Amino acid sequence: MKRIMLSLLTLLLIAPMAMFAQSKTEKFEVKGQCGMCEKRIEKAAKSVEGVTSADWNLETKMLVVTFDDTKTQLDNIQKAIAKAGHDNGKHKAPDEVYDKLPGCCKYDRSDVKKE
């Protein structure tokens, strides 16, 4: 009986905290060319605290990312992806990082503005 009461009390204390977590899903373009790019982009996005999922589509070049907006912002995710070598809607990858990507991962950068 004590164990049941303790379990219920714990549940009642934890449940309200879960209600405050804000899960948000965003979709944006990320430049890339191949399966290695997909792994790198998704890994970079998931490295940001608060990101729960990231799925980049090779055909559409779109990343769908789900994250807790109380822990991170979309801008932080886009910066992490740029640091990994992939231009996106808001951030351009540093040239020195892009230059180190394998040849199959090089994409057209002519339409990306520099920050």
PDB file of N, CA and C in Angstrom:
ATOM      1  N   MET A   1       0.820  -1.195   0.000  1.00  0.00           N
ATOM      2  CA  MET A   1       0.000   0.000   0.000  1.00  0.00           C
ATOM      3  C   MET A   1       0.867   1.263   0.000  1.00  0.00           C
ATOM      4  N   LYS A   2       1.932   1.220   0.825  1.00  0.00           N
ATOM      5  CA  LYS A   2       2.840   2.363   0.875  1.00  0.00           C
ATOM      6  C   LYS A   2       3.462   2.622  -0.500  1.00  0.00           C
ATOM      7  N   ARG A   3       3.821   1.535  -1.157  1.00  0.00           N
ATOM      8  CA  ARG A   3       4.461   1.642  -2.470  1.00  0.00           C
ATOM      9  C   ARG A   3       3.505   2.269  -3.489  1.00  0.00           C
ATOM     10  N   ILE A   4       2.247   1.894  -3.449  1.00  0.00           N
ATOM     11  CA  ILE A   4       1.249   2.440  -4.361  1.00  0.00           C
ATOM     12  C   ILE A   4       1.054   3.927  -4.099  1.00  0.00           C
ATOM     13  N   MET A   5       0.937   4.303  -2.859  1.00  0.00           N
ATOM     14  CA  MET A   5       0.751   5.710  -2.495  1.00  0.00           C
ATOM     15  C   MET A   5       1.958   6.553  -2.922  1.00  0.00           C
ATOM     16  N   LEU A   6       3.152   6.008  -2.710  1.00  0.00           N
ATOM     17  CA  LEU A   6       4.368   6.715  -3.109  1.00  0.00           C
ATOM     18  C   LEU A   6       4.428   6.875  -4.621  1.00  0.00           C
ATOM     19  N   SER A   7       4.046   5.852  -5.352  1.00  0.00           N
ATOM     20  CA  SER A   7       4.023   5.913  -6.821  1.00  0.00           C
ATOM     21  C   SER A   7       3.029   6.958  -7.308  1.00  0.00           C
ATOM     22  N   LEU A   8       1.857   6.990  -6.717  1.00  0.00           N
ATOM     23  CA  LEU A   8       0.849   7.975  -7.099  1.00  0.00           C
ATOM     24  C   LEU A   8       1.316   9.397  -6.793  1.00  0.00           C
ATOM     25  N   LEU A   9       1.923   9.585  -5.653  1.00  0.00           N
ATOM     26  CA  LEU A   9       2.425  10.894  -5.276  1.00  0.00           C
ATOM     27  C   LEU A   9       3.505  11.358  -6.256  1.00  0.00           C
ATOM     28  N   THR A  10       4.400  10.455  -6.604  1.00  0.00           N
ATOM     29  CA  THR A  10       5.456  10.777  -7.565  1.00  0.00           C
ATOM     30  C   THR A  10       4.852  11.160  -8.907  1.00  0.00           C
ATOM     31  N   LEU A  11       3.878  10.416  -9.364  1.00  0.00           N
ATOM     32  CA  LEU A  11       3.204  10.694 -10.630  1.00  0.00           C
ATOM     33  C   LEU A  11       2.540  12.065 -10.615  1.00  0.00           C
ATOM     34  N   LEU A  12       1.895  12.395  -9.518  1.00  0.00           N
ATOM     35  CA  LEU A  12       1.230  13.690  -9.400  1.00  0.00           C
ATOM     36  C   LEU A  12       2.223  14.848  -9.404  1.00  0.00           C
ATOM     37  N   LEU A  13       3.416  14.626  -8.910  1.00  0.00           N
ATOM     38  CA  LEU A  13       4.427  15.679  -8.896  1.00  0.00           C
ATOM     39  C   LEU A  13       5.103  15.846 -10.254  1.00  0.00           C
ATOM     40  N   ILE A  14       5.265  14.761 -10.987  1.00  0.00           N
ATOM     41  CA  ILE A  14       5.968  14.807 -12.271  1.00  0.00           C
ATOM     42  C   ILE A  14       5.061  15.263 -13.412  1.00  0.00           C
ATOM     43  N   ALA A  15       3.804  14.882 -13.399  1.00  0.00           N
ATOM     44  CA  ALA A  15       2.872  15.180 -14.490  1.00  0.00           C
ATOM     45  C   ALA A  15       2.788  16.668 -14.834  1.00  0.00           C
ATOM     46  N   PRO A  16       2.669  17.574 -13.872  1.00  0.00           N
ATOM     47  CA  PRO A  16       2.587  18.996 -14.237  1.00  0.00           C
ATOM     48  C   PRO A  16       3.837  19.510 -14.952  1.00  0.00           C
ATOM     49  N   MET A  17       5.006  18.972 -14.628  1.00  0.00           N
ATOM     50  CA  MET A  17       6.232  19.414 -15.299  1.00  0.00           C
ATOM     51  C   MET A  17       6.201  19.055 -16.775  1.00  0.00           C
ATOM     52  N   ALA A  18       5.659  17.907 -17.117  1.00  0.00           N
ATOM     53  CA  ALA A  18       5.584  17.470 -18.509  1.00  0.00           C
ATOM     54  C   ALA A  18       4.659  18.379 -19.317  1.00  0.00           C
ATOM     55  N   MET A  19       3.666  18.963 -18.671  1.00  0.00           N
ATOM     56  CA  MET A  19       2.727  19.829 -19.364  1.00  0.00           C
ATOM     57  C   MET A  19       3.385  21.117 -19.829  1.00  0.00           C
ATOM     58  N   PHE A  20       4.451  21.560 -19.174  1.00  0.00           N
ATOM     59  CA  PHE A  20       5.103  22.809 -19.530  1.00  0.00           C
ATOM     60  C   PHE A  20       6.079  22.664 -20.690  1.00  0.00           C
ATOM     61  N   ALA A  21       6.494  21.461 -21.009  1.00  0.00           N
ATOM     62  CA  ALA A  21       7.399  21.247 -22.131  1.00  0.00           C
ATOM     63  C   ALA A  21       6.655  21.563 -23.427  1.00  0.00           C
ATOM     64  N   GLN A  22       7.268  22.379 -24.276  1.00  0.00           N
ATOM     65  CA  GLN A  22       6.642  22.808 -25.517  1.00  0.00           C
ATOM     66  C   GLN A  22       7.348  22.171 -26.703  1.00  0.00           C
ATOM     67  N   SER A  23       6.707  21.202 -27.313  1.00  0.00           N
ATOM     68  CA  SER A  23       7.269  20.546 -28.478  1.00  0.00           C
ATOM     69  C   SER A  23       6.846  21.331 -29.713  1.00  0.00           C
ATOM     70  N   LYS A  24       7.819  21.635 -30.556  1.00  0.00           N
ATOM     71  CA  LYS A  24       7.564  22.437 -31.742  1.00  0.00           C
ATOM     72  C   LYS A  24       8.193  21.735 -32.935  1.00  0.00           C
ATOM     73  N   THR A  25       7.525  21.743 -34.072  1.00  0.00           N
ATOM     74  CA  THR A  25       8.059  21.146 -35.279  1.00  0.00           C
ATOM     75  C   THR A  25       8.194  22.230 -36.340  1.00  0.00           C
ATOM     76  N   GLU A  26       9.367  22.298 -36.965  1.00  0.00           N
ATOM     77  CA  GLU A  26       9.653  23.275 -38.010  1.00  0.00           C
ATOM     78  C   GLU A  26      10.222  22.555 -39.225  1.00  0.00           C
ATOM     79  N   LYS A  27      10.066  23.176 -40.377  1.00  0.00           N
ATOM     80  CA  LYS A  27      10.567  22.612 -41.635  1.00  0.00           C
ATOM     81  C   LYS A  27      11.306  23.715 -42.378  1.00  0.00           C
ATOM     82  N   PHE A  28      12.532  23.420 -42.829  1.00  0.00           N
ATOM     83  CA  PHE A  28      13.298  24.409 -43.586  1.00  0.00           C
ATOM     84  C   PHE A  28      14.297  23.722 -44.509  1.00  0.00           C
ATOM     85  N   GLU A  29      14.762  24.461 -45.506  1.00  0.00           N
ATOM     86  CA  GLU A  29      15.681  23.910 -46.499  1.00  0.00           C
ATOM     87  C   GLU A  29      17.108  23.850 -45.953  1.00  0.00           C
ATOM     88  N   VAL A  30      17.779  22.743 -46.257  1.00  0.00           N
ATOM     89  CA  VAL A  30      19.192  22.578 -45.924  1.00  0.00           C
ATOM     90  C   VAL A  30      19.877  22.015 -47.171  1.00  0.00           C
ATOM     91  N   LYS A  31      20.946  22.661 -47.601  1.00  0.00           N
ATOM     92  CA  LYS A  31      21.660  22.218 -48.795  1.00  0.00           C
ATOM     93  C   LYS A  31      22.438  20.937 -48.516  1.00  0.00           C
ATOM     94  N   GLY A  32      22.386  20.011 -49.474  1.00  0.00           N
ATOM     95  CA  GLY A  32      23.105  18.756 -49.376  1.00  0.00           C
ATOM     96  C   GLY A  32      22.908  17.953 -50.646  1.00  0.00           C
ATOM     97  N   GLN A  33      23.667  16.863 -50.795  1.00  0.00           N
ATOM     98  CA  GLN A  33      23.651  16.118 -52.045  1.00  0.00           C
ATOM     99  C   GLN A  33      23.445  14.615 -51.913  1.00  0.00           C
ATOM    100  N   CYS A  34      23.744  14.023 -50.773  1.00  0.00           N
ATOM    101  CA  CYS A  34      23.798  12.559 -50.726  1.00  0.00           C
ATOM    102  C   CYS A  34      23.427  12.017 -49.334  1.00  0.00           C
ATOM    103  N   GLY A  35      23.539  10.705 -49.206  1.00  0.00           N
ATOM    104  CA  GLY A  35      23.238  10.048 -47.945  1.00  0.00           C
ATOM    105  C   GLY A  35      24.179  10.448 -46.822  1.00  0.00           C
ATOM    106  N   MET A  36      25.438  10.719 -47.163  1.00  0.00           N
ATOM    107  CA  MET A  36      26.379  11.174 -46.120  1.00  0.00           C
ATOM    108  C   MET A  36      25.954  12.540 -45.598  1.00  0.00           C
ATOM    109  N   CYS A  37      25.457  13.379 -46.498  1.00  0.00           N
ATOM    110  CA  CYS A  37      24.953  14.692 -46.073  1.00  0.00           C
ATOM    111  C   CYS A  37      23.781  14.509 -45.107  1.00  0.00           C
ATOM    112  N   GLU A  38      22.890  13.588 -45.455  1.00  0.00           N
ATOM    113  CA  GLU A  38      21.723  13.329 -44.611  1.00  0.00           C
ATOM    114  C   GLU A  38      22.142  12.969 -43.192  1.00  0.00           C
ATOM    115  N   LYS A  39      23.086  12.061 -43.072  1.00  0.00           N
ATOM    116  CA  LYS A  39      23.565  11.658 -41.744  1.00  0.00           C
ATOM    117  C   LYS A  39      24.188  12.836 -41.003  1.00  0.00           C
ATOM    118  N   ARG A  40      25.000  13.624 -41.708  1.00  0.00           N
ATOM    119  CA  ARG A  40      25.694  14.763 -41.082  1.00  0.00           C
ATOM    120  C   ARG A  40      24.700  15.829 -40.630  1.00  0.00           C
ATOM    121  N   ILE A  41      23.720  16.132 -41.476  1.00  0.00           N
ATOM    122  CA  ILE A  41      22.711  17.157 -41.162  1.00  0.00           C
ATOM    123  C   ILE A  41      21.879  16.734 -39.956  1.00  0.00           C
ATOM    124  N   GLU A  42      21.389  15.499 -39.986  1.00  0.00           N
ATOM    125  CA  GLU A  42      20.554  15.011 -38.889  1.00  0.00           C
ATOM    126  C   GLU A  42      21.348  14.927 -37.590  1.00  0.00           C
ATOM    127  N   LYS A  43      22.602  14.496 -37.670  1.00  0.00           N
ATOM    128  CA  LYS A  43      23.450  14.408 -36.475  1.00  0.00           C
ATOM    129  C   LYS A  43      23.689  15.799 -35.882  1.00  0.00           C
ATOM    130  N   ALA A  44      23.951  16.782 -36.746  1.00  0.00           N
ATOM    131  CA  ALA A  44      24.184  18.150 -36.267  1.00  0.00           C
ATOM    132  C   ALA A  44      22.935  18.705 -35.588  1.00  0.00           C
ATOM    133  N   ALA A  45      21.785  18.467 -36.186  1.00  0.00           N
ATOM    134  CA  ALA A  45      20.533  18.964 -35.590  1.00  0.00           C
ATOM    135  C   ALA A  45      20.278  18.302 -34.240  1.00  0.00           C
ATOM    136  N   LYS A  46      20.470  16.986 -34.185  1.00  0.00           N
ATOM    137  CA  LYS A  46      20.210  16.247 -32.949  1.00  0.00           C
ATOM    138  C   LYS A  46      21.230  16.544 -31.848  1.00  0.00           C
ATOM    139  N   SER A  47      22.359  17.143 -32.214  1.00  0.00           N
ATOM    140  CA  SER A  47      23.375  17.477 -31.214  1.00  0.00           C
ATOM    141  C   SER A  47      22.959  18.670 -30.352  1.00  0.00           C
ATOM    142  N   VAL A  48      21.954  19.403 -30.804  1.00  0.00           N
ATOM    143  CA  VAL A  48      21.472  20.568 -30.063  1.00  0.00           C
ATOM    144  C   VAL A  48      20.532  20.087 -28.958  1.00  0.00           C
ATOM    145  N   GLU A  49      20.810  20.506 -27.729  1.00  0.00           N
ATOM    146  CA  GLU A  49      19.967  20.097 -26.606  1.00  0.00           C
ATOM    147  C   GLU A  49      18.529  20.542 -26.836  1.00  0.00           C
ATOM    148  N   GLY A  50      17.606  19.622 -26.643  1.00  0.00           N
ATOM    149  CA  GLY A  50      16.193  19.926 -26.817  1.00  0.00           C
ATOM    150  C   GLY A  50      15.618  19.383 -28.117  1.00  0.00           C
ATOM    151  N   VAL A  51      16.478  19.004 -29.065  1.00  0.00           N
ATOM    152  CA  VAL A  51      15.995  18.437 -30.329  1.00  0.00           C
ATOM    153  C   VAL A  51      15.650  16.973 -30.094  1.00  0.00           C
ATOM    154  N   THR A  52      14.430  16.604 -30.450  1.00  0.00           N
ATOM    155  CA  THR A  52      13.984  15.228 -30.249  1.00  0.00           C
ATOM    156  C   THR A  52      13.997  14.413 -31.527  1.00  0.00           C
ATOM    157  N   SER A  53      13.858  15.070 -32.682  1.00  0.00           N
ATOM    158  CA  SER A  53      13.950  14.341 -33.949  1.00  0.00           C
ATOM    159  C   SER A  53      14.359  15.286 -35.072  1.00  0.00           C
ATOM    160  N   ALA A  54      15.015  14.698 -36.078  1.00  0.00           N
ATOM    161  CA  ALA A  54      15.429  15.446 -37.252  1.00  0.00           C
ATOM    162  C   ALA A  54      15.407  14.490 -38.438  1.00  0.00           C
ATOM    163  N   ASP A  55      14.746  14.899 -39.514  1.00  0.00           N
ATOM    164  CA  ASP A  55      14.646  14.057 -40.704  1.00  0.00           C
ATOM    165  C   ASP A  55      14.832  14.922 -41.939  1.00  0.00           C
ATOM    166  N   TRP A  56      15.960  14.706 -42.652  1.00  0.00           N
ATOM    167  CA  TRP A  56      16.264  15.462 -43.865  1.00  0.00           C
ATOM    168  C   TRP A  56      15.914  14.616 -45.075  1.00  0.00           C
ATOM    169  N   ASN A  57      15.211  15.214 -46.034  1.00  0.00           N
ATOM    170  CA  ASN A  57      14.798  14.524 -47.242  1.00  0.00           C
ATOM    171  C   ASN A  57      15.734  14.898 -48.392  1.00  0.00           C
ATOM    172  N   LEU A  58      16.412  13.908 -48.950  1.00  0.00           N
ATOM    173  CA  LEU A  58      17.379  14.127 -50.029  1.00  0.00           C
ATOM    174  C   LEU A  58      16.741  14.752 -51.262  1.00  0.00           C
ATOM    175  N   GLU A  59      15.542  14.323 -51.616  1.00  0.00           N
ATOM    176  CA  GLU A  59      14.884  14.837 -52.818  1.00  0.00           C
ATOM    177  C   GLU A  59      14.421  16.281 -52.677  1.00  0.00           C
ATOM    178  N   THR A  60      13.812  16.610 -51.561  1.00  0.00           N
ATOM    179  CA  THR A  60      13.262  17.959 -51.382  1.00  0.00           C
ATOM    180  C   THR A  60      14.247  18.929 -50.741  1.00  0.00           C
ATOM    181  N   LYS A  61      15.313  18.379 -50.140  1.00  0.00           N
ATOM    182  CA  LYS A  61      16.316  19.180 -49.408  1.00  0.00           C
ATOM    183  C   LYS A  61      15.714  19.883 -48.193  1.00  0.00           C
ATOM    184  N   MET A  62      14.618  19.321 -47.666  1.00  0.00           N
ATOM    185  CA  MET A  62      13.935  19.913 -46.522  1.00  0.00           C
ATOM    186  C   MET A  62      14.203  19.096 -45.263  1.00  0.00           C
ATOM    187  N   LEU A  63      14.450  19.790 -44.167  1.00  0.00           N
ATOM    188  CA  LEU A  63      14.645  19.166 -42.863  1.00  0.00           C
ATOM    189  C   LEU A  63      13.411  19.430 -42.016  1.00  0.00           C
ATOM    190  N   VAL A  64      12.872  18.376 -41.435  1.00  0.00           N
ATOM    191  CA  VAL A  64      11.783  18.508 -40.466  1.00  0.00           C
ATOM    192  C   VAL A  64      12.395  18.197 -39.108  1.00  0.00           C
ATOM    193  N   VAL A  65      12.330  19.170 -38.215  1.00  0.00           N
ATOM    194  CA  VAL A  65      12.956  19.024 -36.903  1.00  0.00           C
ATOM    195  C   VAL A  65      11.930  19.307 -35.806  1.00  0.00           C
ATOM    196  N   THR A  66      11.939  18.458 -34.789  1.00  0.00           N
ATOM    197  CA  THR A  66      11.056  18.637 -33.642  1.00  0.00           C
ATOM    198  C   THR A  66      11.930  18.901 -32.421  1.00  0.00           C
ATOM    199  N   PHE A  67      11.565  19.925 -31.659  1.00  0.00           N
ATOM    200  CA  PHE A  67      12.383  20.320 -30.516  1.00  0.00           C
ATOM    201  C   PHE A  67      11.542  20.946 -29.419  1.00  0.00           C
ATOM    202  N   ASP A  68      12.107  20.988 -28.239  1.00  0.00           N
ATOM    203  CA  ASP A  68      11.489  21.610 -27.071  1.00  0.00           C
ATOM    204  C   ASP A  68      11.906  23.079 -27.097  1.00  0.00           C
ATOM    205  N   ASP A  69      10.957  23.960 -27.366  1.00  0.00           N
ATOM    206  CA  ASP A  69      11.323  25.375 -27.494  1.00  0.00           C
ATOM    207  C   ASP A  69      11.578  26.072 -26.162  1.00  0.00           C
ATOM    208  N   THR A  70      11.494  25.330 -25.056  1.00  0.00           N
ATOM    209  CA  THR A  70      11.936  25.898 -23.784  1.00  0.00           C
ATOM    210  C   THR A  70      13.426  25.638 -23.579  1.00  0.00           C
ATOM    211  N   LYS A  71      14.010  24.743 -24.413  1.00  0.00           N
ATOM    212  CA  LYS A  71      15.429  24.408 -24.294  1.00  0.00           C
ATOM    213  C   LYS A  71      16.282  24.978 -25.417  1.00  0.00           C
ATOM    214  N   THR A  72      15.690  25.210 -26.590  1.00  0.00           N
ATOM    215  CA  THR A  72      16.464  25.743 -27.712  1.00  0.00           C
ATOM    216  C   THR A  72      15.550  26.492 -28.669  1.00  0.00           C
ATOM    217  N   GLN A  73      16.170  27.167 -29.595  1.00  0.00           N
ATOM    218  CA  GLN A  73      15.446  27.919 -30.626  1.00  0.00           C
ATOM    219  C   GLN A  73      15.846  27.395 -31.994  1.00  0.00           C
ATOM    220  N   LEU A  74      15.024  27.638 -32.990  1.00  0.00           N
ATOM    221  CA  LEU A  74      15.299  27.199 -34.354  1.00  0.00           C
ATOM    222  C   LEU A  74      16.643  27.743 -34.840  1.00  0.00           C
ATOM    223  N   ASP A  75      16.960  28.962 -34.498  1.00  0.00           N
ATOM    224  CA  ASP A  75      18.215  29.580 -34.915  1.00  0.00           C
ATOM    225  C   ASP A  75      19.429  28.775 -34.436  1.00  0.00           C
ATOM    226  N   ASN A  76      19.378  28.248 -33.224  1.00  0.00           N
ATOM    227  CA  ASN A  76      20.487  27.432 -32.701  1.00  0.00           C
ATOM    228  C   ASN A  76      20.673  26.160 -33.515  1.00  0.00           C
ATOM    229  N   ILE A  77      19.579  25.564 -33.932  1.00  0.00           N
ATOM    230  CA  ILE A  77      19.641  24.346 -34.739  1.00  0.00           C
ATOM    231  C   ILE A  77      20.246  24.665 -36.106  1.00  0.00           C
ATOM    232  N   GLN A  78      19.806  25.756 -36.707  1.00  0.00           N
ATOM    233  CA  GLN A  78      20.334  26.150 -38.014  1.00  0.00           C
ATOM    234  C   GLN A  78      21.826  26.484 -37.939  1.00  0.00           C
ATOM    235  N   LYS A  79      22.256  27.102 -36.858  1.00  0.00           N
ATOM    236  CA  LYS A  79      23.686  27.401 -36.682  1.00  0.00           C
ATOM    237  C   LYS A  79      24.505  26.115 -36.578  1.00  0.00           C
ATOM    238  N   ALA A  80      24.010  25.133 -35.833  1.00  0.00           N
ATOM    239  CA  ALA A  80      24.727  23.860 -35.673  1.00  0.00           C
ATOM    240  C   ALA A  80      24.875  23.152 -37.014  1.00  0.00           C
ATOM    241  N   ILE A  81      23.845  23.209 -37.835  1.00  0.00           N
ATOM    242  CA  ILE A  81      23.892  22.577 -39.153  1.00  0.00           C
ATOM    243  C   ILE A  81      24.888  23.300 -40.051  1.00  0.00           C
ATOM    244  N   ALA A  82      24.913  24.619 -39.985  1.00  0.00           N
ATOM    245  CA  ALA A  82      25.880  25.394 -40.772  1.00  0.00           C
ATOM    246  C   ALA A  82      27.310  25.081 -40.333  1.00  0.00           C
ATOM    247  N   LYS A  83      27.535  24.938 -39.039  1.00  0.00           N
ATOM    248  CA  LYS A  83      28.871  24.600 -38.530  1.00  0.00           C
ATOM    249  C   LYS A  83      29.334  23.232 -39.017  1.00  0.00           C
ATOM    250  N   ALA A  84      28.366  22.364 -39.368  1.00  0.00           N
ATOM    251  CA  ALA A  84      28.690  21.031 -39.883  1.00  0.00           C
ATOM    252  C   ALA A  84      28.971  21.060 -41.387  1.00  0.00           C
ATOM    253  N   GLY A  85      28.761  22.225 -42.021  1.00  0.00           N
ATOM    254  CA  GLY A  85      29.094  22.370 -43.439  1.00  0.00           C
ATOM    255  C   GLY A  85      27.925  22.527 -44.376  1.00  0.00           C
ATOM    256  N   HIS A  86      26.721  22.737 -43.859  1.00  0.00           N
ATOM    257  CA  HIS A  86      25.540  22.795 -44.722  1.00  0.00           C
ATOM    258  C   HIS A  86      24.789  24.117 -44.590  1.00  0.00           C
ATOM    259  N   ASP A  87      24.718  24.831 -45.715  1.00  0.00           N
ATOM    260  CA  ASP A  87      23.971  26.079 -45.770  1.00  0.00           C
ATOM    261  C   ASP A  87      22.490  25.776 -45.549  1.00  0.00           C
ATOM    262  N   ASN A  88      21.810  26.727 -44.939  1.00  0.00           N
ATOM    263  CA  ASN A  88      20.368  26.593 -44.743  1.00  0.00           C
ATOM    264  C   ASN A  88      19.734  27.961 -44.891  1.00  0.00           C
ATOM    265  N   GLY A  89      18.456  28.053 -44.692  1.00  0.00           N
ATOM    266  CA  GLY A  89      17.733  29.298 -44.913  1.00  0.00           C
ATOM    267  C   GLY A  89      18.289  30.518 -44.224  1.00  0.00           C
ATOM    268  N   LYS A  90      18.910  30.345 -43.092  1.00  0.00           N
ATOM    269  CA  LYS A  90      19.342  31.500 -42.313  1.00  0.00           C
ATOM    270  C   LYS A  90      20.861  31.623 -42.140  1.00  0.00           C
ATOM    271  N   HIS A  91      21.573  30.513 -42.261  1.00  0.00           N
ATOM    272  CA  HIS A  91      23.010  30.540 -41.988  1.00  0.00           C
ATOM    273  C   HIS A  91      23.805  29.845 -43.088  1.00  0.00           C
ATOM    274  N   LYS A  92      24.941  30.438 -43.418  1.00  0.00           N
ATOM    275  CA  LYS A  92      25.849  29.877 -44.411  1.00  0.00           C
ATOM    276  C   LYS A  92      26.982  29.178 -43.684  1.00  0.00           C
ATOM    277  N   ALA A  93      27.330  27.993 -44.161  1.00  0.00           N
ATOM    278  CA  ALA A  93      28.437  27.247 -43.558  1.00  0.00           C
ATOM    279  C   ALA A  93      29.740  28.002 -43.778  1.00  0.00           C
ATOM    280  N   PRO A  94      30.642  27.960 -42.815  1.00  0.00           N
ATOM    281  CA  PRO A  94      31.955  28.586 -43.022  1.00  0.00           C
ATOM    282  C   PRO A  94      32.653  27.917 -44.221  1.00  0.00           C
ATOM    283  N   ASP A  95      33.310  28.727 -45.045  1.00  0.00           N
ATOM    284  CA  ASP A  95      33.980  28.202 -46.245  1.00  0.00           C
ATOM    285  C   ASP A  95      34.963  27.095 -45.917  1.00  0.00           C
ATOM    286  N   GLU A  96      35.720  27.255 -44.820  1.00  0.00           N
ATOM    287  CA  GLU A  96      36.729  26.249 -44.476  1.00  0.00           C
ATOM    288  C   GLU A  96      36.098  24.904 -44.104  1.00  0.00           C
ATOM    289  N   VAL A  97      34.901  24.928 -43.557  1.00  0.00           N
ATOM    290  CA  VAL A  97      34.197  23.683 -43.226  1.00  0.00           C
ATOM    291  C   VAL A  97      33.611  23.076 -44.505  1.00  0.00           C
ATOM    292  N   TYR A  98      32.971  23.908 -45.323  1.00  0.00           N
ATOM    293  CA  TYR A  98      32.409  23.428 -46.589  1.00  0.00           C
ATOM    294  C   TYR A  98      33.504  22.817 -47.464  1.00  0.00           C
ATOM    295  N   ASP A  99      34.654  23.450 -47.526  1.00  0.00           N
ATOM    296  CA  ASP A  99      35.756  22.966 -48.372  1.00  0.00           C
ATOM    297  C   ASP A  99      36.255  21.586 -47.953  1.00  0.00           C
ATOM    298  N   LYS A 100      36.061  21.204 -46.691  1.00  0.00           N
ATOM    299  CA  LYS A 100      36.517  19.900 -46.193  1.00  0.00           C
ATOM    300  C   LYS A 100      35.490  18.778 -46.415  1.00  0.00           C
ATOM    301  N   LEU A 101      34.293  19.123 -46.903  1.00  0.00           N
ATOM    302  CA  LEU A 101      33.295  18.091 -47.174  1.00  0.00           C
ATOM    303  C   LEU A 101      33.786  17.189 -48.310  1.00  0.00           C
ATOM    304  N   PRO A 102      33.402  15.907 -48.300  1.00  0.00           N
ATOM    305  CA  PRO A 102      33.753  15.020 -49.415  1.00  0.00           C
ATOM    306  C   PRO A 102      33.179  15.577 -50.721  1.00  0.00           C
ATOM    307  N   GLY A 103      33.792  15.221 -51.832  1.00  0.00           N
ATOM    308  CA  GLY A 103      33.370  15.732 -53.141  1.00  0.00           C
ATOM    309  C   GLY A 103      31.900  15.499 -53.447  1.00  0.00           C
ATOM    310  N   CYS A 104      31.371  14.335 -53.052  1.00  0.00           N
ATOM    311  CA  CYS A 104      29.963  14.031 -53.345  1.00  0.00           C
ATOM    312  C   CYS A 104      29.003  14.911 -52.544  1.00  0.00           C
ATOM    313  N   CYS A 105      29.503  15.572 -51.521  1.00  0.00           N
ATOM    314  CA  CYS A 105      28.660  16.403 -50.657  1.00  0.00           C
ATOM    315  C   CYS A 105      28.644  17.877 -51.076  1.00  0.00           C
ATOM    316  N   LYS A 106      29.468  18.245 -52.044  1.00  0.00           N
ATOM    317  CA  LYS A 106      29.531  19.651 -52.474  1.00  0.00           C
ATOM    318  C   LYS A 106      28.259  20.008 -53.239  1.00  0.00           C
ATOM    319  N   TYR A 107      27.650  21.095 -52.868  1.00  0.00           N
ATOM    320  CA  TYR A 107      26.407  21.563 -53.465  1.00  0.00           C
ATOM    321  C   TYR A 107      26.607  22.971 -53.993  1.00  0.00           C
ATOM    322  N   ASP A 108      25.701  23.436 -54.822  1.00  0.00           N
ATOM    323  CA  ASP A 108      25.780  24.768 -55.410  1.00  0.00           C
ATOM    324  C   ASP A 108      25.536  25.819 -54.327  1.00  0.00           C
ATOM    325  N   ARG A 109      26.486  26.718 -54.155  1.00  0.00           N
ATOM    326  CA  ARG A 109      26.377  27.752 -53.123  1.00  0.00           C
ATOM    327  C   ARG A 109      26.142  29.140 -53.719  1.00  0.00           C
ATOM    328  N   SER A 110      25.892  29.219 -55.003  1.00  0.00           N
ATOM    329  CA  SER A 110      25.792  30.525 -55.670  1.00  0.00           C
ATOM    330  C   SER A 110      24.593  31.355 -55.219  1.00  0.00           C
ATOM    331  N   ASP A 111      23.545  30.719 -54.722  1.00  0.00           N
ATOM    332  CA  ASP A 111      22.342  31.462 -54.328  1.00  0.00           C
ATOM    333  C   ASP A 111      22.238  31.745 -52.844  1.00  0.00           C
ATOM    334  N   VAL A 112      23.299  31.462 -52.084  1.00  0.00           N
ATOM    335  CA  VAL A 112      23.266  31.670 -50.635  1.00  0.00           C
ATOM    336  C   VAL A 112      23.960  32.971 -50.291  1.00  0.00           C
ATOM    337  N   LYS A 113      23.280  33.794 -49.501  1.00  0.00           N
ATOM    338  CA  LYS A 113      23.874  35.064 -49.082  1.00  0.00           C
ATOM    339  C   LYS A 113      24.852  34.826 -47.946  1.00  0.00           C
ATOM    340  N   LYS A 114      25.900  35.608 -47.903  1.00  0.00           N
ATOM    341  CA  LYS A 114      26.912  35.500 -46.851  1.00  0.00           C
ATOM    342  C   LYS A 114      26.508  36.348 -45.662  1.00  0.00           C
ATOM    343  N   GLU A 115      26.788  35.825 -44.474  1.00  0.00           N
ATOM    344  CA  GLU A 115      26.501  36.603 -43.259  1.00  0.00           C
ATOM    345  C   GLU A 115      27.758  37.197 -42.717  1.00  0.00           C
TER     346      GLU A 115
END
